[in-house]
């Protein structure tokens, strides 16, 4: 089920105070980095990823690839930092999105 705009706004308010959990560095988006993002999404559900790429097009491509490979939804993107959300139904206390 896709996330509505109301739910995205709510998630933005929840992710605002968080620090980036994963940093994509000079070697780009490697399999090891994607594995770390998978682990972080499974544990946190909502996280920030910092992409240190050369220009905007490279950052957009990297963020798009992260969303595609992990199945996460892009909540927001400000500069080098992207906020991602992927629900984990097996988590003890999952994030409960507001109703539509």
PDB file of N, CA and C in Angstrom:
ATOM      1  N   UNK A   1       0.840  -1.182   0.000  1.00  0.00           N
ATOM      2  CA  UNK A   1       0.000   0.000   0.000  1.00  0.00           C
ATOM      3  C   UNK A   1       0.883   1.242   0.000  1.00  0.00           C
ATOM      4  N   UNK A   2       0.687   2.146  -0.950  1.00  0.00           N
ATOM      5  CA  UNK A   2       1.529   3.339  -1.009  1.00  0.00           C
ATOM      6  C   UNK A   2       1.246   4.295   0.156  1.00  0.00           C
ATOM      7  N   UNK A   3       2.238   5.076   0.469  1.00  0.00           N
ATOM      8  CA  UNK A   3       2.127   6.046   1.556  1.00  0.00           C
ATOM      9  C   UNK A   3       1.458   7.306   1.020  1.00  0.00           C
ATOM     10  N   UNK A   4       0.504   7.845   1.769  1.00  0.00           N
ATOM     11  CA  UNK A   4      -0.185   9.064   1.363  1.00  0.00           C
ATOM     12  C   UNK A   4       0.650  10.286   1.731  1.00  0.00           C
ATOM     13  N   UNK A   5       0.262  11.429   1.201  1.00  0.00           N
ATOM     14  CA  UNK A   5       0.983  12.671   1.513  1.00  0.00           C
ATOM     15  C   UNK A   5       0.871  13.030   2.995  1.00  0.00           C
ATOM     16  N   UNK A   6      -0.286  12.766   3.585  1.00  0.00           N
ATOM     17  CA  UNK A   6      -0.463  13.037   5.015  1.00  0.00           C
ATOM     18  C   UNK A   6       0.503  12.185   5.845  1.00  0.00           C
ATOM     19  N   UNK A   7       0.634  10.927   5.463  1.00  0.00           N
ATOM     20  CA  UNK A   7       1.550  10.043   6.183  1.00  0.00           C
ATOM     21  C   UNK A   7       2.999  10.463   5.960  1.00  0.00           C
ATOM     22  N   UNK A   8       3.338  10.933   4.759  1.00  0.00           N
ATOM     23  CA  UNK A   8       4.698  11.418   4.503  1.00  0.00           C
ATOM     24  C   UNK A   8       5.011  12.625   5.378  1.00  0.00           C
ATOM     25  N   UNK A   9       4.057  13.547   5.507  1.00  0.00           N
ATOM     26  CA  UNK A   9       4.276  14.715   6.364  1.00  0.00           C
ATOM     27  C   UNK A   9       4.517  14.282   7.804  1.00  0.00           C
ATOM     28  N   UNK A  10       3.746  13.302   8.275  1.00  0.00           N
ATOM     29  CA  UNK A  10       3.913  12.821   9.640  1.00  0.00           C
ATOM     30  C   UNK A  10       5.288  12.173   9.811  1.00  0.00           C
ATOM     31  N   UNK A  11       5.693  11.367   8.818  1.00  0.00           N
ATOM     32  CA  UNK A  11       7.007  10.722   8.882  1.00  0.00           C
ATOM     33  C   UNK A  11       8.135  11.753   8.847  1.00  0.00           C
ATOM     34  N   UNK A  12       7.970  12.823   8.063  1.00  0.00           N
ATOM     35  CA  UNK A  12       8.980  13.892   8.033  1.00  0.00           C
ATOM     36  C   UNK A  12       9.167  14.494   9.420  1.00  0.00           C
ATOM     37  N   UNK A  13       8.061  14.686  10.142  1.00  0.00           N
ATOM     38  CA  UNK A  13       8.178  15.250  11.488  1.00  0.00           C
ATOM     39  C   UNK A  13       8.872  14.277  12.435  1.00  0.00           C
ATOM     40  N   UNK A  14       8.719  12.972  12.212  1.00  0.00           N
ATOM     41  CA  UNK A  14       9.358  11.971  13.055  1.00  0.00           C
ATOM     42  C   UNK A  14      10.851  11.822  12.761  1.00  0.00           C
ATOM     43  N   UNK A  15      11.241  12.005  11.484  1.00  0.00           N
ATOM     44  CA  UNK A  15      12.630  11.800  11.078  1.00  0.00           C
ATOM     45  C   UNK A  15      13.478  13.064  11.249  1.00  0.00           C
ATOM     46  N   UNK A  16      12.835  14.191  11.472  1.00  0.00           N
ATOM     47  CA  UNK A  16      13.547  15.476  11.501  1.00  0.00           C
ATOM     48  C   UNK A  16      14.703  15.503  12.499  1.00  0.00           C
ATOM     49  N   UNK A  17      14.492  14.996  13.688  1.00  0.00           N
ATOM     50  CA  UNK A  17      15.512  15.083  14.738  1.00  0.00           C
ATOM     51  C   UNK A  17      16.593  14.009  14.642  1.00  0.00           C
ATOM     52  N   UNK A  18      16.431  13.035  13.766  1.00  0.00           N
ATOM     53  CA  UNK A  18      17.392  11.941  13.659  1.00  0.00           C
ATOM     54  C   UNK A  18      18.666  12.355  12.924  1.00  0.00           C
ATOM     55  N   UNK A  19      19.739  11.700  13.240  1.00  0.00           N
ATOM     56  CA  UNK A  19      21.012  11.883  12.540  1.00  0.00           C
ATOM     57  C   UNK A  19      21.121  10.813  11.455  1.00  0.00           C
ATOM     58  N   UNK A  20      21.896  11.061  10.393  1.00  0.00           N
ATOM     59  CA  UNK A  20      22.087  10.021   9.371  1.00  0.00           C
ATOM     60  C   UNK A  20      22.732   8.772   9.970  1.00  0.00           C
ATOM     61  N   UNK A  21      22.159   7.615   9.649  1.00  0.00           N
ATOM     62  CA  UNK A  21      22.634   6.344  10.185  1.00  0.00           C
ATOM     63  C   UNK A  21      23.694   5.742   9.271  1.00  0.00           C
ATOM     64  N   UNK A  22      23.510   5.888   7.965  1.00  0.00           N
ATOM     65  CA  UNK A  22      24.430   5.312   6.986  1.00  0.00           C
ATOM     66  C   UNK A  22      24.994   6.440   6.125  1.00  0.00           C
ATOM     67  N   UNK A  23      26.301   6.390   5.884  1.00  0.00           N
ATOM     68  CA  UNK A  23      26.958   7.373   5.027  1.00  0.00           C
ATOM     69  C   UNK A  23      27.497   6.673   3.783  1.00  0.00           C
ATOM     70  N   UNK A  24      27.104   7.163   2.613  1.00  0.00           N
ATOM     71  CA  UNK A  24      27.628   6.641   1.356  1.00  0.00           C
ATOM     72  C   UNK A  24      28.816   7.522   1.013  1.00  0.00           C
ATOM     73  N   UNK A  25      30.017   6.959   1.028  1.00  0.00           N
ATOM     74  CA  UNK A  25      31.241   7.732   0.886  1.00  0.00           C
ATOM     75  C   UNK A  25      31.806   7.775  -0.513  1.00  0.00           C
ATOM     76  N   UNK A  26      33.118   7.912  -0.589  1.00  0.00           N
ATOM     77  CA  UNK A  26      33.814   8.136  -1.854  1.00  0.00           C
ATOM     78  C   UNK A  26      33.747   6.938  -2.793  1.00  0.00           C
ATOM     79  N   UNK A  27      33.531   5.733  -2.276  1.00  0.00           N
ATOM     80  CA  UNK A  27      33.469   4.551  -3.134  1.00  0.00           C
ATOM     81  C   UNK A  27      32.066   4.303  -3.678  1.00  0.00           C
ATOM     82  N   UNK A  28      31.135   5.143  -3.302  1.00  0.00           N
ATOM     83  CA  UNK A  28      29.787   5.045  -3.840  1.00  0.00           C
ATOM     84  C   UNK A  28      28.956   3.973  -3.170  1.00  0.00           C
ATOM     85  N   UNK A  29      27.964   3.534  -3.889  1.00  0.00           N
ATOM     86  CA  UNK A  29      26.986   2.591  -3.371  1.00  0.00           C
ATOM     87  C   UNK A  29      27.449   1.156  -3.638  1.00  0.00           C
ATOM     88  N   UNK A  30      28.141   0.583  -2.672  1.00  0.00           N
ATOM     89  CA  UNK A  30      28.654  -0.778  -2.812  1.00  0.00           C
ATOM     90  C   UNK A  30      27.657  -1.767  -2.207  1.00  0.00           C
ATOM     91  N   UNK A  31      27.914  -3.048  -2.415  1.00  0.00           N
ATOM     92  CA  UNK A  31      27.056  -4.082  -1.837  1.00  0.00           C
ATOM     93  C   UNK A  31      27.093  -4.038  -0.311  1.00  0.00           C
ATOM     94  N   UNK A  32      28.236  -3.699   0.255  1.00  0.00           N
ATOM     95  CA  UNK A  32      28.356  -3.613   1.710  1.00  0.00           C
ATOM     96  C   UNK A  32      27.503  -2.467   2.262  1.00  0.00           C
ATOM     97  N   UNK A  33      27.488  -1.348   1.570  1.00  0.00           N
ATOM     98  CA  UNK A  33      26.673  -0.213   2.007  1.00  0.00           C
ATOM     99  C   UNK A  33      25.185  -0.567   1.909  1.00  0.00           C
ATOM    100  N   UNK A  34      24.800  -1.210   0.821  1.00  0.00           N
ATOM    101  CA  UNK A  34      23.399  -1.631   0.682  1.00  0.00           C
ATOM    102  C   UNK A  34      23.002  -2.626   1.773  1.00  0.00           C
ATOM    103  N   UNK A  35      23.922  -3.506   2.149  1.00  0.00           N
ATOM    104  CA  UNK A  35      23.640  -4.454   3.228  1.00  0.00           C
ATOM    105  C   UNK A  35      23.438  -3.716   4.552  1.00  0.00           C
ATOM    106  N   UNK A  36      24.244  -2.698   4.811  1.00  0.00           N
ATOM    107  CA  UNK A  36      24.092  -1.905   6.032  1.00  0.00           C
ATOM    108  C   UNK A  36      22.758  -1.158   6.037  1.00  0.00           C
ATOM    109  N   UNK A  37      22.350  -0.639   4.882  1.00  0.00           N
ATOM    110  CA  UNK A  37      21.061   0.053   4.787  1.00  0.00           C
ATOM    111  C   UNK A  37      19.928  -0.933   5.054  1.00  0.00           C
ATOM    112  N   UNK A  38      20.038  -2.149   4.523  1.00  0.00           N
ATOM    113  CA  UNK A  38      19.036  -3.193   4.776  1.00  0.00           C
ATOM    114  C   UNK A  38      18.915  -3.475   6.278  1.00  0.00           C
ATOM    115  N   UNK A  39      20.053  -3.625   6.936  1.00  0.00           N
ATOM    116  CA  UNK A  39      20.059  -3.899   8.374  1.00  0.00           C
ATOM    117  C   UNK A  39      19.436  -2.735   9.147  1.00  0.00           C
ATOM    118  N   UNK A  40      19.817  -1.507   8.780  1.00  0.00           N
ATOM    119  CA  UNK A  40      19.302  -0.329   9.470  1.00  0.00           C
ATOM    120  C   UNK A  40      17.792  -0.180   9.261  1.00  0.00           C
ATOM    121  N   UNK A  41      17.309  -0.444   8.046  1.00  0.00           N
ATOM    122  CA  UNK A  41      15.869  -0.362   7.788  1.00  0.00           C
ATOM    123  C   UNK A  41      15.103  -1.429   8.561  1.00  0.00           C
ATOM    124  N   UNK A  42      15.660  -2.616   8.661  1.00  0.00           N
ATOM    125  CA  UNK A  42      15.000  -3.678   9.408  1.00  0.00           C
ATOM    126  C   UNK A  42      14.918  -3.336  10.896  1.00  0.00           C
ATOM    127  N   UNK A  43      15.933  -2.656  11.388  1.00  0.00           N
ATOM    128  CA  UNK A  43      15.970  -2.331  12.813  1.00  0.00           C
ATOM    129  C   UNK A  43      15.189  -1.067  13.147  1.00  0.00           C
ATOM    130  N   UNK A  44      15.343  -0.014  12.333  1.00  0.00           N
ATOM    131  CA  UNK A  44      14.763   1.292  12.660  1.00  0.00           C
ATOM    132  C   UNK A  44      13.472   1.613  11.916  1.00  0.00           C
ATOM    133  N   UNK A  45      13.256   1.070  10.745  1.00  0.00           N
ATOM    134  CA  UNK A  45      12.137   1.363   9.842  1.00  0.00           C
ATOM    135  C   UNK A  45      12.231   2.750   9.204  1.00  0.00           C
ATOM    136  N   UNK A  46      12.651   3.749   9.957  1.00  0.00           N
ATOM    137  CA  UNK A  46      12.736   5.121   9.483  1.00  0.00           C
ATOM    138  C   UNK A  46      14.142   5.630   9.757  1.00  0.00           C
ATOM    139  N   UNK A  47      14.846   6.064   8.711  1.00  0.00           N
ATOM    140  CA  UNK A  47      16.228   6.493   8.906  1.00  0.00           C
ATOM    141  C   UNK A  47      16.651   7.514   7.862  1.00  0.00           C
ATOM    142  N   UNK A  48      17.784   8.116   8.157  1.00  0.00           N
ATOM    143  CA  UNK A  48      18.400   9.066   7.227  1.00  0.00           C
ATOM    144  C   UNK A  48      19.671   8.440   6.662  1.00  0.00           C
ATOM    145  N   UNK A  49      19.905   8.707   5.374  1.00  0.00           N
ATOM    146  CA  UNK A  49      21.107   8.244   4.691  1.00  0.00           C
ATOM    147  C   UNK A  49      21.775   9.467   4.079  1.00  0.00           C
ATOM    148  N   UNK A  50      23.072   9.622   4.324  1.00  0.00           N
ATOM    149  CA  UNK A  50      23.823  10.736   3.736  1.00  0.00           C
ATOM    150  C   UNK A  50      24.594  10.215   2.531  1.00  0.00           C
ATOM    151  N   UNK A  51      24.363  10.839   1.364  1.00  0.00           N
ATOM    152  CA  UNK A  51      25.003  10.435   0.119  1.00  0.00           C
ATOM    153  C   UNK A  51      25.996  11.518  -0.287  1.00  0.00           C
ATOM    154  N   UNK A  52      27.279  11.214  -0.167  1.00  0.00           N
ATOM    155  CA  UNK A  52      28.323  12.168  -0.544  1.00  0.00           C
ATOM    156  C   UNK A  52      28.747  11.903  -1.982  1.00  0.00           C
ATOM    157  N   UNK A  53      27.947  12.373  -2.913  1.00  0.00           N
ATOM    158  CA  UNK A  53      28.256  12.202  -4.340  1.00  0.00           C
ATOM    159  C   UNK A  53      28.573  13.578  -4.921  1.00  0.00           C
ATOM    160  N   UNK A  54      29.160  13.574  -6.115  1.00  0.00           N
ATOM    161  CA  UNK A  54      29.626  14.806  -6.732  1.00  0.00           C
ATOM    162  C   UNK A  54      28.552  15.840  -7.000  1.00  0.00           C
ATOM    163  N   UNK A  55      27.535  15.494  -7.769  1.00  0.00           N
ATOM    164  CA  UNK A  55      26.523  16.480  -8.112  1.00  0.00           C
ATOM    165  C   UNK A  55      25.126  15.918  -7.850  1.00  0.00           C
ATOM    166  N   UNK A  56      24.131  16.742  -8.098  1.00  0.00           N
ATOM    167  CA  UNK A  56      22.753  16.391  -7.805  1.00  0.00           C
ATOM    168  C   UNK A  56      22.290  15.148  -8.568  1.00  0.00           C
ATOM    169  N   UNK A  57      22.664  15.041  -9.836  1.00  0.00           N
ATOM    170  CA  UNK A  57      22.242  13.893 -10.636  1.00  0.00           C
ATOM    171  C   UNK A  57      22.788  12.587 -10.075  1.00  0.00           C
ATOM    172  N   UNK A  58      24.034  12.589  -9.631  1.00  0.00           N
ATOM    173  CA  UNK A  58      24.625  11.390  -9.038  1.00  0.00           C
ATOM    174  C   UNK A  58      23.923  11.024  -7.731  1.00  0.00           C
ATOM    175  N   UNK A  59      23.607  12.047  -6.916  1.00  0.00           N
ATOM    176  CA  UNK A  59      22.889  11.787  -5.663  1.00  0.00           C
ATOM    177  C   UNK A  59      21.499  11.229  -5.936  1.00  0.00           C
ATOM    178  N   UNK A  60      20.790  11.827  -6.894  1.00  0.00           N
ATOM    179  CA  UNK A  60      19.454  11.328  -7.238  1.00  0.00           C
ATOM    180  C   UNK A  60      19.506   9.887  -7.722  1.00  0.00           C
ATOM    181  N   UNK A  61      20.502   9.569  -8.536  1.00  0.00           N
ATOM    182  CA  UNK A  61      20.648   8.203  -9.041  1.00  0.00           C
ATOM    183  C   UNK A  61      20.934   7.229  -7.898  1.00  0.00           C
ATOM    184  N   UNK A  62      21.811   7.616  -6.974  1.00  0.00           N
ATOM    185  CA  UNK A  62      22.157   6.750  -5.840  1.00  0.00           C
ATOM    186  C   UNK A  62      20.947   6.538  -4.930  1.00  0.00           C
ATOM    187  N   UNK A  63      20.205   7.603  -4.655  1.00  0.00           N
ATOM    188  CA  UNK A  63      19.030   7.486  -3.793  1.00  0.00           C
ATOM    189  C   UNK A  63      17.958   6.638  -4.471  1.00  0.00           C
ATOM    190  N   UNK A  64      17.786   6.827  -5.769  1.00  0.00           N
ATOM    191  CA  UNK A  64      16.831   6.005  -6.513  1.00  0.00           C
ATOM    192  C   UNK A  64      17.203   4.531  -6.477  1.00  0.00           C
ATOM    193  N   UNK A  65      18.495   4.251  -6.613  1.00  0.00           N
ATOM    194  CA  UNK A  65      18.969   2.870  -6.566  1.00  0.00           C
ATOM    195  C   UNK A  65      18.767   2.259  -5.174  1.00  0.00           C
ATOM    196  N   UNK A  66      19.001   3.049  -4.136  1.00  0.00           N
ATOM    197  CA  UNK A  66      18.789   2.571  -2.768  1.00  0.00           C
ATOM    198  C   UNK A  66      17.317   2.200  -2.573  1.00  0.00           C
ATOM    199  N   UNK A  67      16.419   3.071  -3.003  1.00  0.00           N
ATOM    200  CA  UNK A  67      14.982   2.813  -2.853  1.00  0.00           C
ATOM    201  C   UNK A  67      14.562   1.577  -3.651  1.00  0.00           C
ATOM    202  N   UNK A  68      15.112   1.446  -4.846  1.00  0.00           N
ATOM    203  CA  UNK A  68      14.772   0.317  -5.706  1.00  0.00           C
ATOM    204  C   UNK A  68      15.259  -1.003  -5.116  1.00  0.00           C
ATOM    205  N   UNK A  69      16.508  -1.028  -4.647  1.00  0.00           N
ATOM    206  CA  UNK A  69      17.102  -2.284  -4.170  1.00  0.00           C
ATOM    207  C   UNK A  69      16.586  -2.694  -2.790  1.00  0.00           C
ATOM    208  N   UNK A  70      16.191  -1.719  -1.951  1.00  0.00           N
ATOM    209  CA  UNK A  70      15.747  -2.044  -0.598  1.00  0.00           C
ATOM    210  C   UNK A  70      14.232  -2.100  -0.468  1.00  0.00           C
ATOM    211  N   UNK A  71      13.523  -1.534  -1.417  1.00  0.00           N
ATOM    212  CA  UNK A  71      12.064  -1.497  -1.326  1.00  0.00           C
ATOM    213  C   UNK A  71      11.561  -0.431  -0.371  1.00  0.00           C
ATOM    214  N   UNK A  72      12.398   0.547  -0.059  1.00  0.00           N
ATOM    215  CA  UNK A  72      12.028   1.617   0.859  1.00  0.00           C
ATOM    216  C   UNK A  72      11.362   2.765   0.102  1.00  0.00           C
ATOM    217  N   UNK A  73      10.584   3.545   0.835  1.00  0.00           N
ATOM    218  CA  UNK A  73       9.947   4.739   0.273  1.00  0.00           C
ATOM    219  C   UNK A  73      10.782   5.952   0.639  1.00  0.00           C
ATOM    220  N   UNK A  74      10.975   6.842  -0.333  1.00  0.00           N
ATOM    221  CA  UNK A  74      11.679   8.097  -0.088  1.00  0.00           C
ATOM    222  C   UNK A  74      10.696   9.064   0.544  1.00  0.00           C
ATOM    223  N   UNK A  75      10.993   9.490   1.755  1.00  0.00           N
ATOM    224  CA  UNK A  75      10.122  10.416   2.472  1.00  0.00           C
ATOM    225  C   UNK A  75      10.486  11.851   2.146  1.00  0.00           C
ATOM    226  N   UNK A  76      11.764  12.163   2.198  1.00  0.00           N
ATOM    227  CA  UNK A  76      12.214  13.505   1.847  1.00  0.00           C
ATOM    228  C   UNK A  76      13.690  13.462   1.477  1.00  0.00           C
ATOM    229  N   UNK A  77      14.107  14.506   0.808  1.00  0.00           N
ATOM    230  CA  UNK A  77      15.513  14.644   0.433  1.00  0.00           C
ATOM    231  C   UNK A  77      15.878  16.112   0.544  1.00  0.00           C
ATOM    232  N   UNK A  78      16.864  16.397   1.363  1.00  0.00           N
ATOM    233  CA  UNK A  78      17.349  17.757   1.535  1.00  0.00           C
ATOM    234  C   UNK A  78      18.856  17.721   1.372  1.00  0.00           C
ATOM    235  N   UNK A  79      19.336  18.287   0.267  1.00  0.00           N
ATOM    236  CA  UNK A  79      20.771  18.292   0.004  1.00  0.00           C
ATOM    237  C   UNK A  79      21.312  16.897  -0.160  1.00  0.00           C
ATOM    238  N   UNK A  80      22.255  16.532   0.686  1.00  0.00           N
ATOM    239  CA  UNK A  80      22.908  15.226   0.620  1.00  0.00           C
ATOM    240  C   UNK A  80      22.190  14.161   1.445  1.00  0.00           C
ATOM    241  N   UNK A  81      21.153  14.531   2.180  1.00  0.00           N
ATOM    242  CA  UNK A  81      20.517  13.620   3.121  1.00  0.00           C
ATOM    243  C   UNK A  81      19.131  13.207   2.621  1.00  0.00           C
ATOM    244  N   UNK A  82      18.882  11.895   2.617  1.00  0.00           N
ATOM    245  CA  UNK A  82      17.588  11.346   2.222  1.00  0.00           C
ATOM    246  C   UNK A  82      16.985  10.605   3.407  1.00  0.00           C
ATOM    247  N   UNK A  83      15.673  10.772   3.605  1.00  0.00           N
ATOM    248  CA  UNK A  83      14.951  10.056   4.649  1.00  0.00           C
ATOM    249  C   UNK A  83      14.194   8.908   3.991  1.00  0.00           C
ATOM    250  N   UNK A  84      14.371   7.703   4.525  1.00  0.00           N
ATOM    251  CA  UNK A  84      13.761   6.505   3.959  1.00  0.00           C
ATOM    252  C   UNK A  84      12.881   5.822   4.997  1.00  0.00           C
ATOM    253  N   UNK A  85      11.812   5.164   4.504  1.00  0.00           N
ATOM    254  CA  UNK A  85      10.912   4.424   5.382  1.00  0.00           C
ATOM    255  C   UNK A  85      10.555   3.103   4.716  1.00  0.00           C
ATOM    256  N   UNK A  86      10.658   2.036   5.496  1.00  0.00           N
ATOM    257  CA  UNK A  86      10.198   0.720   5.066  1.00  0.00           C
ATOM    258  C   UNK A  86       9.634   0.017   6.292  1.00  0.00           C
ATOM    259  N   UNK A  87       8.331  -0.307   6.272  1.00  0.00           N
ATOM    260  CA  UNK A  87       7.737  -0.953   7.448  1.00  0.00           C
ATOM    261  C   UNK A  87       8.306  -2.354   7.674  1.00  0.00           C
ATOM    262  N   UNK A  88       8.394  -2.715   8.943  1.00  0.00           N
ATOM    263  CA  UNK A  88       8.862  -4.042   9.330  1.00  0.00           C
ATOM    264  C   UNK A  88       7.803  -4.654  10.241  1.00  0.00           C
ATOM    265  N   UNK A  89       6.938  -5.519   9.698  1.00  0.00           N
ATOM    266  CA  UNK A  89       5.865  -6.088  10.522  1.00  0.00           C
ATOM    267  C   UNK A  89       6.369  -7.005  11.632  1.00  0.00           C
ATOM    268  N   UNK A  90       7.602  -7.474  11.557  1.00  0.00           N
ATOM    269  CA  UNK A  90       8.144  -8.375  12.570  1.00  0.00           C
ATOM    270  C   UNK A  90       8.748  -7.628  13.755  1.00  0.00           C
ATOM    271  N   UNK A  91       8.828  -6.314  13.656  1.00  0.00           N
ATOM    272  CA  UNK A  91       9.416  -5.512  14.725  1.00  0.00           C
ATOM    273  C   UNK A  91       8.499  -5.522  15.947  1.00  0.00           C
ATOM    274  N   UNK A  92       9.106  -5.493  17.122  1.00  0.00           N
ATOM    275  CA  UNK A  92       8.337  -5.551  18.364  1.00  0.00           C
ATOM    276  C   UNK A  92       7.376  -4.370  18.479  1.00  0.00           C
ATOM    277  N   UNK A  93       7.851  -3.162  18.233  1.00  0.00           N
ATOM    278  CA  UNK A  93       7.019  -1.964  18.285  1.00  0.00           C
ATOM    279  C   UNK A  93       7.143  -1.223  16.952  1.00  0.00           C
ATOM    280  N   UNK A  94       6.373  -1.635  15.931  1.00  0.00           N
ATOM    281  CA  UNK A  94       6.486  -0.976  14.628  1.00  0.00           C
ATOM    282  C   UNK A  94       5.930   0.447  14.656  1.00  0.00           C
ATOM    283  N   UNK A  95       6.367   1.254  13.714  1.00  0.00           N
ATOM    284  CA  UNK A  95       5.852   2.613  13.576  1.00  0.00           C
ATOM    285  C   UNK A  95       4.437   2.513  13.033  1.00  0.00           C
ATOM    286  N   UNK A  96       3.510   3.145  13.714  1.00  0.00           N
ATOM    287  CA  UNK A  96       2.109   3.126  13.294  1.00  0.00           C
ATOM    288  C   UNK A  96       1.810   4.437  12.586  1.00  0.00           C
ATOM    289  N   UNK A  97       1.520   4.338  11.286  1.00  0.00           N
ATOM    290  CA  UNK A  97       1.218   5.521  10.496  1.00  0.00           C
ATOM    291  C   UNK A  97      -0.195   6.016  10.803  1.00  0.00           C
ATOM    292  N   UNK A  98      -0.418   7.343  10.726  1.00  0.00           N
ATOM    293  CA  UNK A  98      -1.777   7.851  10.932  1.00  0.00           C
ATOM    294  C   UNK A  98      -2.703   7.390   9.824  1.00  0.00           C
ATOM    295  N   UNK A  99      -3.971   7.290  10.145  1.00  0.00           N
ATOM    296  CA  UNK A  99      -4.967   6.892   9.151  1.00  0.00           C
ATOM    297  C   UNK A  99      -5.103   7.974   8.097  1.00  0.00           C
ATOM    298  N   UNK A 100      -5.579   7.560   6.935  1.00  0.00           N
ATOM    299  CA  UNK A 100      -5.744   8.482   5.807  1.00  0.00           C
ATOM    300  C   UNK A 100      -6.896   9.401   6.056  1.00  0.00           C
TER     301      UNK A 100
END
